Protein backbone atom coordinates (compact mmCIF):
# COMPACT_ATOMS: atom_id res chain seq x y z
CA MET A 1 0.22 0.00 0.08
CA HIS A 2 1.13 3.79 -0.75
CA PRO A 3 2.47 5.24 2.32
CA ALA A 4 0.40 8.76 2.96
CA LEU A 5 2.49 11.14 4.82
CA SER A 6 -0.46 12.62 6.13
CA VAL A 7 -1.79 9.69 7.48
CA ILE A 8 1.48 8.63 9.08
CA PHE A 9 1.67 12.38 10.61
CA PHE A 10 -2.11 11.86 11.68
CA THR A 11 -1.34 8.18 13.61
CA THR A 12 2.12 9.56 14.88
CA ALA A 13 1.04 12.93 16.55
CA SER A 14 -2.56 12.06 17.38
CA GLY A 15 -1.38 8.82 19.16
CA ALA A 16 1.40 10.48 21.39
CA GLY A 17 -1.52 12.96 22.32
CA TYR A 18 -4.01 10.26 22.64
CA GLY A 19 -1.57 8.49 24.75
CA LEU A 20 -0.40 11.36 27.01
CA LEU A 21 -3.82 12.15 27.93
CA VAL A 22 -4.63 8.62 28.78
CA LEU A 23 -1.47 8.45 31.15
CA LEU A 24 -2.52 11.74 32.34
CA GLY A 25 -6.27 11.19 33.19
CA LEU A 26 -5.12 7.93 35.22
CA GLY A 27 -2.32 9.74 37.09
CA LYS A 28 -4.84 12.61 38.33
CA ALA A 29 -7.46 10.02 38.84
CA PHE A 30 -5.29 8.20 41.45
CA ASP A 31 -3.40 11.40 42.32
CA VAL A 32 -0.04 10.43 41.10
CA VAL A 33 1.14 13.07 39.11
CA PRO A 34 1.49 17.10 40.09
CA HIS A 35 -1.09 19.66 40.04
CA GLU A 36 1.34 22.34 39.46
CA LEU A 37 -0.32 24.57 36.71
CA SER A 38 2.94 24.96 34.50
CA PHE A 39 2.55 21.38 34.21
CA GLY A 40 -0.92 20.98 33.68
CA VAL A 41 -1.15 23.94 31.33
CA ALA A 42 1.68 22.35 29.15
CA THR A 43 0.40 18.69 29.17
CA ILE A 44 -3.00 19.87 28.13
CA VAL A 45 -1.81 22.52 25.35
CA ILE A 46 0.84 20.08 23.98
CA ALA A 47 -2.03 17.34 23.80
CA LEU A 48 -4.48 19.23 21.97
CA VAL A 49 -2.03 20.80 19.29
CA LEU A 50 -0.80 16.89 18.62
CA ILE A 51 -4.16 15.70 18.43
CA THR A 52 -6.03 18.46 16.62
CA THR A 53 -3.00 18.77 14.26
CA GLY A 54 -3.16 15.43 13.30
CA LEU A 55 -6.75 14.73 13.08
CA LEU A 56 -6.81 17.52 10.52
CA SER A 57 -4.08 16.42 8.63
CA SER A 58 -5.57 12.74 7.97
CA THR A 59 -8.30 15.17 5.90
CA PHE A 60 -5.13 15.97 3.14
CA HIS A 61 -5.28 12.26 1.89
CA LEU A 62 -9.00 12.61 1.02
CA GLY A 63 -10.16 13.39 -2.25
CA HIS A 64 -12.70 16.05 -1.11
CA PRO A 65 -11.19 16.83 2.07
CA GLU A 66 -14.58 19.06 2.56
CA ARG A 67 -16.83 16.13 2.45
CA ALA A 68 -15.04 14.55 5.64
CA TRP A 69 -18.12 15.52 7.72
CA ARG A 70 -20.08 13.01 5.86
CA ALA A 71 -18.20 9.91 7.37
CA LEU A 72 -19.51 10.43 10.49
CA SER A 73 -22.93 9.30 9.49
CA GLN A 74 -22.11 5.89 9.14
CA TRP A 75 -20.56 5.14 12.72
CA ARG A 76 -23.17 1.90 12.43
CA SER A 77 -21.00 -0.35 9.94
CA SER A 78 -17.71 1.79 9.54
CA TRP A 79 -14.69 2.27 11.94
CA LEU A 80 -13.59 5.20 10.10
CA SER A 81 -17.10 6.71 10.90
CA ARG A 82 -16.77 5.52 14.61
CA GLU A 83 -13.25 6.86 14.85
CA GLY A 84 -14.53 10.31 13.65
CA VAL A 85 -17.09 10.57 16.19
CA LEU A 86 -15.30 9.56 18.89
CA ALA A 87 -12.36 11.98 18.40
CA ILE A 88 -15.09 14.49 18.52
CA VAL A 89 -16.49 13.55 21.70
CA THR A 90 -13.64 13.16 23.17
CA TYR A 91 -12.75 16.97 23.08
CA ILE A 92 -15.67 17.23 25.57
CA PRO A 93 -14.19 15.18 28.72
CA ILE A 94 -10.78 16.48 27.81
CA LEU A 95 -11.99 20.11 27.98
CA LEU A 96 -14.12 19.51 31.14
CA PHE A 97 -10.93 17.90 32.44
CA ALA A 98 -8.93 20.92 31.75
CA TYR A 99 -11.73 23.18 33.26
CA ASP A 100 -11.81 21.61 36.33
CA TRP A 101 -8.11 21.13 36.88
CA LEU A 102 -6.34 24.38 35.50
CA LEU A 103 -9.25 27.08 36.22
CA LEU A 104 -11.32 25.76 39.45
CA GLU A 105 -8.59 23.71 40.66
CA SER A 106 -11.14 21.15 41.86
CA VAL A 107 -10.40 17.59 43.01
CA ASP A 108 -13.84 16.76 43.86
CA THR A 109 -16.06 13.68 42.28
CA ALA A 110 -16.81 15.75 39.04
CA TYR A 111 -13.04 16.14 38.14
CA VAL A 112 -12.10 12.58 39.11
CA LEU A 113 -14.82 11.22 36.96
CA ALA A 114 -13.50 13.91 33.90
CA ALA A 115 -10.40 12.45 34.31
CA ILE A 116 -11.43 8.65 33.50
CA LEU A 117 -13.78 9.39 31.05
CA MET A 118 -10.84 11.36 29.21
CA SER A 119 -8.71 8.57 29.61
CA LEU A 120 -11.20 6.01 28.46
CA PHE A 121 -12.54 7.73 25.24
CA CYS A 122 -8.63 8.58 24.47
CA LEU A 123 -7.92 5.17 24.42
CA LEU A 124 -10.83 3.75 22.36
CA THR A 125 -10.48 6.55 20.10
CA ILE A 126 -6.60 4.83 19.75
CA TYR A 127 -8.59 1.61 19.29
CA SER A 128 -10.84 2.88 16.54
CA THR A 129 -7.90 4.08 14.56
CA SER A 130 -6.26 0.59 14.62
CA MET A 131 -9.40 -1.25 13.83
CA ILE A 132 -9.86 1.10 10.45
CA TYR A 133 -6.79 -1.06 9.08
CA ALA A 134 -7.28 -4.55 11.00
CA SER A 135 -10.90 -4.57 9.94
CA LEU A 136 -10.14 -4.78 6.36
CA LYS A 137 -9.88 -8.61 5.35
CA THR A 138 -8.52 -7.72 1.65
CA VAL A 139 -4.96 -6.78 3.41
CA HIS A 140 -3.52 -9.77 5.18
CA ALA A 141 -0.88 -7.72 6.88
CA TRP A 142 -3.62 -5.81 8.64
CA SER A 143 -6.35 -7.90 9.27
CA ASN A 144 -4.59 -9.09 12.28
CA HIS A 145 -5.17 -9.16 16.22
CA TRP A 146 -1.39 -7.47 16.30
CA VAL A 147 -2.84 -4.16 14.50
CA PRO A 148 -4.92 -2.88 17.88
CA PHE A 149 -2.14 -3.98 20.16
CA ALA A 150 0.38 -2.14 18.09
CA TYR A 151 -1.25 0.93 17.59
CA VAL A 152 -2.46 1.26 21.37
CA SER A 153 0.98 0.11 23.25
CA LEU A 154 2.70 2.51 20.79
CA ALA A 155 0.66 5.23 21.51
CA LEU A 156 1.19 4.76 25.35
CA MET A 157 4.64 4.30 24.88
CA SER A 158 5.06 7.44 22.98
CA GLY A 159 2.83 9.31 25.14
CA SER A 160 4.60 8.22 28.48
CA ILE A 161 7.81 9.30 27.18
CA LEU A 162 6.36 12.84 26.04
CA ILE A 163 4.77 13.08 29.49
CA ASN A 164 8.16 12.20 31.06
CA ALA A 165 9.94 15.02 28.99
CA ILE A 166 7.34 17.40 30.45
CA LEU A 167 7.74 16.95 33.73
CA LEU A 168 11.16 17.48 33.63
CA ILE A 169 10.93 20.61 31.39
CA THR A 170 8.53 22.05 34.49
CA GLY A 171 10.73 21.14 36.92
CA ASN A 172 9.29 17.96 38.24
CA TYR A 173 10.28 14.60 38.79
CA LEU A 174 7.87 11.28 38.89
CA ALA A 175 9.72 8.44 39.21
CA LEU A 176 6.74 6.43 38.39
CA MET A 177 6.36 7.78 35.03
CA SER A 178 10.00 7.40 34.19
CA TYR A 179 9.65 3.50 35.03
CA SER A 180 6.27 3.76 33.25
CA SER A 181 8.30 4.58 30.10
CA LEU A 182 10.71 2.03 30.47
CA ALA A 183 7.84 -0.74 30.80
CA PHE A 184 5.88 0.86 27.64
CA ILE A 185 8.96 0.70 25.65
CA VAL A 186 9.56 -2.97 26.28
CA ILE A 187 5.89 -3.94 25.69
CA ALA A 188 5.58 -2.00 22.34
CA LEU A 189 8.93 -3.59 21.12
CA ILE A 190 7.50 -7.35 22.18
CA ILE A 191 3.91 -6.46 20.44
CA LYS A 192 5.80 -5.00 17.17
CA LEU A 193 8.42 -7.66 17.03
CA SER A 194 5.63 -9.99 17.00
CA TYR A 195 3.66 -8.56 14.51
CA TRP A 196 6.63 -8.44 12.19
CA ARG A 197 7.12 -12.03 13.01
CA PHE A 198 3.18 -12.93 12.04
CA ILE A 199 3.38 -10.92 8.63
CA ARG A 200 6.91 -12.71 7.79
CA GLN A 201 5.47 -16.45 8.46
CA THR A 202 1.81 -16.30 7.49
CA GLN A 203 0.35 -15.42 4.03
CA SER A 204 -3.05 -14.31 3.09
CA LEU A 205 -5.74 -17.65 2.11
CA SER A 206 -6.30 -15.45 -1.14
CA THR A 207 -4.42 -16.60 -4.03
CA ALA A 208 -4.47 -15.73 -7.98
CA GLU A 209 -6.20 -19.30 -7.78
CA THR A 210 -8.84 -18.64 -5.56
CA ALA A 211 -9.23 -15.04 -6.72
CA SER A 212 -9.88 -15.92 -10.32
CA GLY A 213 -12.14 -19.10 -9.33
CA LEU A 214 -9.67 -21.21 -11.55
CA GLY A 215 -7.77 -22.87 -8.89
CA HIS A 216 -9.50 -26.40 -9.95
CA LEU A 217 -7.74 -26.13 -13.03
CA GLY A 218 -4.45 -25.68 -11.66
CA LYS A 219 -1.77 -22.79 -11.42
CA VAL A 220 -3.21 -19.49 -12.67
CA SER A 221 -0.97 -16.88 -13.85
CA MET A 222 -1.49 -13.31 -15.76
CA VAL A 223 -1.29 -13.13 -18.83
CA GLN A 224 -2.14 -9.60 -20.00
CA SER A 225 -2.70 -6.74 -17.05
CA PRO A 226 -6.11 -5.28 -16.59
CA HIS A 227 -4.75 -1.87 -17.76
CA SER A 228 -2.16 -0.75 -20.01
CA GLN A 229 -0.91 2.01 -17.91
CA ASP A 230 -0.79 3.17 -14.35
CA ASN A 231 -3.81 3.99 -12.42
CA TYR A 232 -5.00 4.80 -8.94
CA LEU A 233 -5.27 1.15 -8.18
CA LEU A 234 -1.80 0.55 -8.83
CA LYS A 235 -0.35 3.83 -7.27
CA GLU A 236 -2.46 3.23 -4.13
CA MET A 237 -2.57 -0.78 -3.83
CA GLY A 238 0.42 -1.52 -5.65
CA TYR A 239 3.14 0.07 -3.85
CA GLN A 240 5.97 -2.23 -3.22
CA ILE A 241 9.46 -2.47 -1.18
CA ALA A 242 12.41 -4.06 -1.45
CA ARG A 243 12.79 -6.99 1.16
CA LYS A 244 16.01 -5.90 1.76
CA HIS A 245 15.09 -2.28 2.31
CA ALA A 246 12.55 -3.48 4.54
CA ASP A 247 14.74 -5.23 6.83
CA LYS A 248 17.03 -2.08 6.99
CA LEU A 249 13.98 -0.05 7.98
CA ARG A 250 12.88 -1.91 10.56
CA ARG A 251 16.54 -2.00 12.46
CA ILE A 252 16.63 1.54 11.94
CA SER A 253 12.63 1.78 13.52
CA VAL A 254 13.98 -0.78 16.48
CA MET A 255 16.95 1.21 17.27
CA CYS A 256 15.54 4.73 17.03
CA GLY A 257 12.00 4.05 18.31
CA PHE A 258 12.88 1.78 21.23
CA VAL A 259 16.38 0.98 22.05
CA ILE A 260 17.68 4.34 21.84
CA PRO A 261 14.69 5.89 24.19
CA PHE A 262 15.14 2.99 26.53
CA LEU A 263 18.62 3.99 27.24
CA LEU A 264 17.85 7.76 27.34
CA THR A 265 14.75 6.99 29.61
CA ILE A 266 17.23 5.34 32.04
CA ILE A 267 18.93 8.42 32.49
CA THR A 268 15.98 10.43 33.82
CA LEU A 269 15.88 8.08 36.66
CA ASP A 270 18.32 10.62 38.23
CA GLY A 271 16.37 13.20 38.83
CA VAL A 272 15.46 16.75 37.60
CA ASN A 273 18.78 17.91 36.44
CA MET A 274 20.10 18.99 32.90
CA LEU A 275 21.47 15.95 31.71
CA SER A 276 18.05 13.93 32.63
CA LEU A 277 16.15 16.95 30.91
CA CYS A 278 18.21 16.65 27.93
CA SER A 279 17.88 12.67 27.86
CA SER A 280 14.60 12.89 27.99
CA VAL A 281 13.90 15.09 25.08
CA LEU A 282 16.01 13.09 22.77
CA ALA A 283 14.35 9.70 23.77
CA LEU A 284 11.24 11.99 22.53
CA ILE A 285 12.98 12.58 18.98
CA PHE A 286 14.16 9.23 18.78
CA CYS A 287 10.85 7.90 19.92
CA LEU A 288 8.72 9.60 17.26
CA PHE A 289 11.29 9.22 14.38
CA GLY A 290 11.16 5.36 15.06
CA ILE A 291 7.48 5.52 15.03
CA ILE A 292 7.43 7.27 11.90
CA VAL A 293 9.76 4.85 10.01
CA GLU A 294 7.42 2.07 11.70
CA ARG A 295 4.25 3.62 10.45
CA TRP A 296 5.73 4.06 7.00
CA LEU A 297 6.66 0.40 6.76
CA PHE A 298 3.17 -0.51 8.26
CA PHE A 299 1.69 0.65 4.79
CA ALA A 300 4.54 -0.08 2.37
CA GLU A 301 4.35 -3.60 3.51
CA ALA A 302 0.80 -4.03 3.09
CA LYS A 303 -0.26 -6.15 0.12
CA HIS A 304 -3.52 -5.81 -1.15
CA THR A 305 -5.62 -8.65 -2.44
CA VAL A 306 -6.90 -6.66 -5.51
CA MET A 307 -2.89 -6.96 -6.68
CA LEU A 308 -3.61 -10.62 -7.53
CA TYR A 309 -5.47 -9.46 -10.93
CA TYR A 310 -2.06 -7.65 -11.44
CA GLY A 311 0.31 -10.58 -11.24
CA ASN A 312 0.58 -10.95 -7.80
CA THR A 313 1.07 -14.81 -7.07
CA SER A 314 -0.17 -13.97 -3.32
CA ALA A 315 -1.39 -11.40 -1.12
């Protein structure tokens, strides 16, 4: 599949923003993160900027972005529509939580409820994004149980590294968040490696024989392409990447997205100082770059079943 930069930016940016708010909401509900105003303003503003710019960038991939609102009406059957609805509805608990915390400085039941609802809806939105791809049975690399786990774990990983950096920048230190970041990095790496092993060791049940219905006659091969020149299908669904490049990019993703952030996050366990602060920021930069490479591979390695009609022997 063709990797759309707008969608890659959307899933990376909004994933980090939602992941941050999931952990922030849970942290505030259980009263384990600071109540400091500078920390609150920074986390809410950064999260909203990441989420909003991510959502807006996702419309750039549409042929007619001005019609994007129409997709919201299909929430009964479309995960894309459900994601859109949840993304909009999620702003309500986010703003209520921000209002209670930053303006009212409240710690009452309504505040705790808003924090929990914010975490829940952010988590549901991440899951809905993953199901847009996991529900597509025509793409074997996406239609599996590893995709939702990968999306959620990467969002929580990037969100935890981001909130850890914000804590140190605002002069706070929370050992729990540093340890949580280390745990999320390990979990996300295990899930991602498991996903890559799955797509490497398994193949789609669809073949040229099943797609054409001629399997009972023997091996099926394409005599002539359905089209004499490139078209939309070939551009969007016929994108190919050489195996050697895929392996190289996986190593880059693992090193930049997981290994280096893990090592840099260990340094932040030293508390609030310049080295920890710089390490947390570098960990965030490497993490986001690694996720961008991972997300590019997520699209580039996917094969659509329709390409069986264009000469592919398997999907």
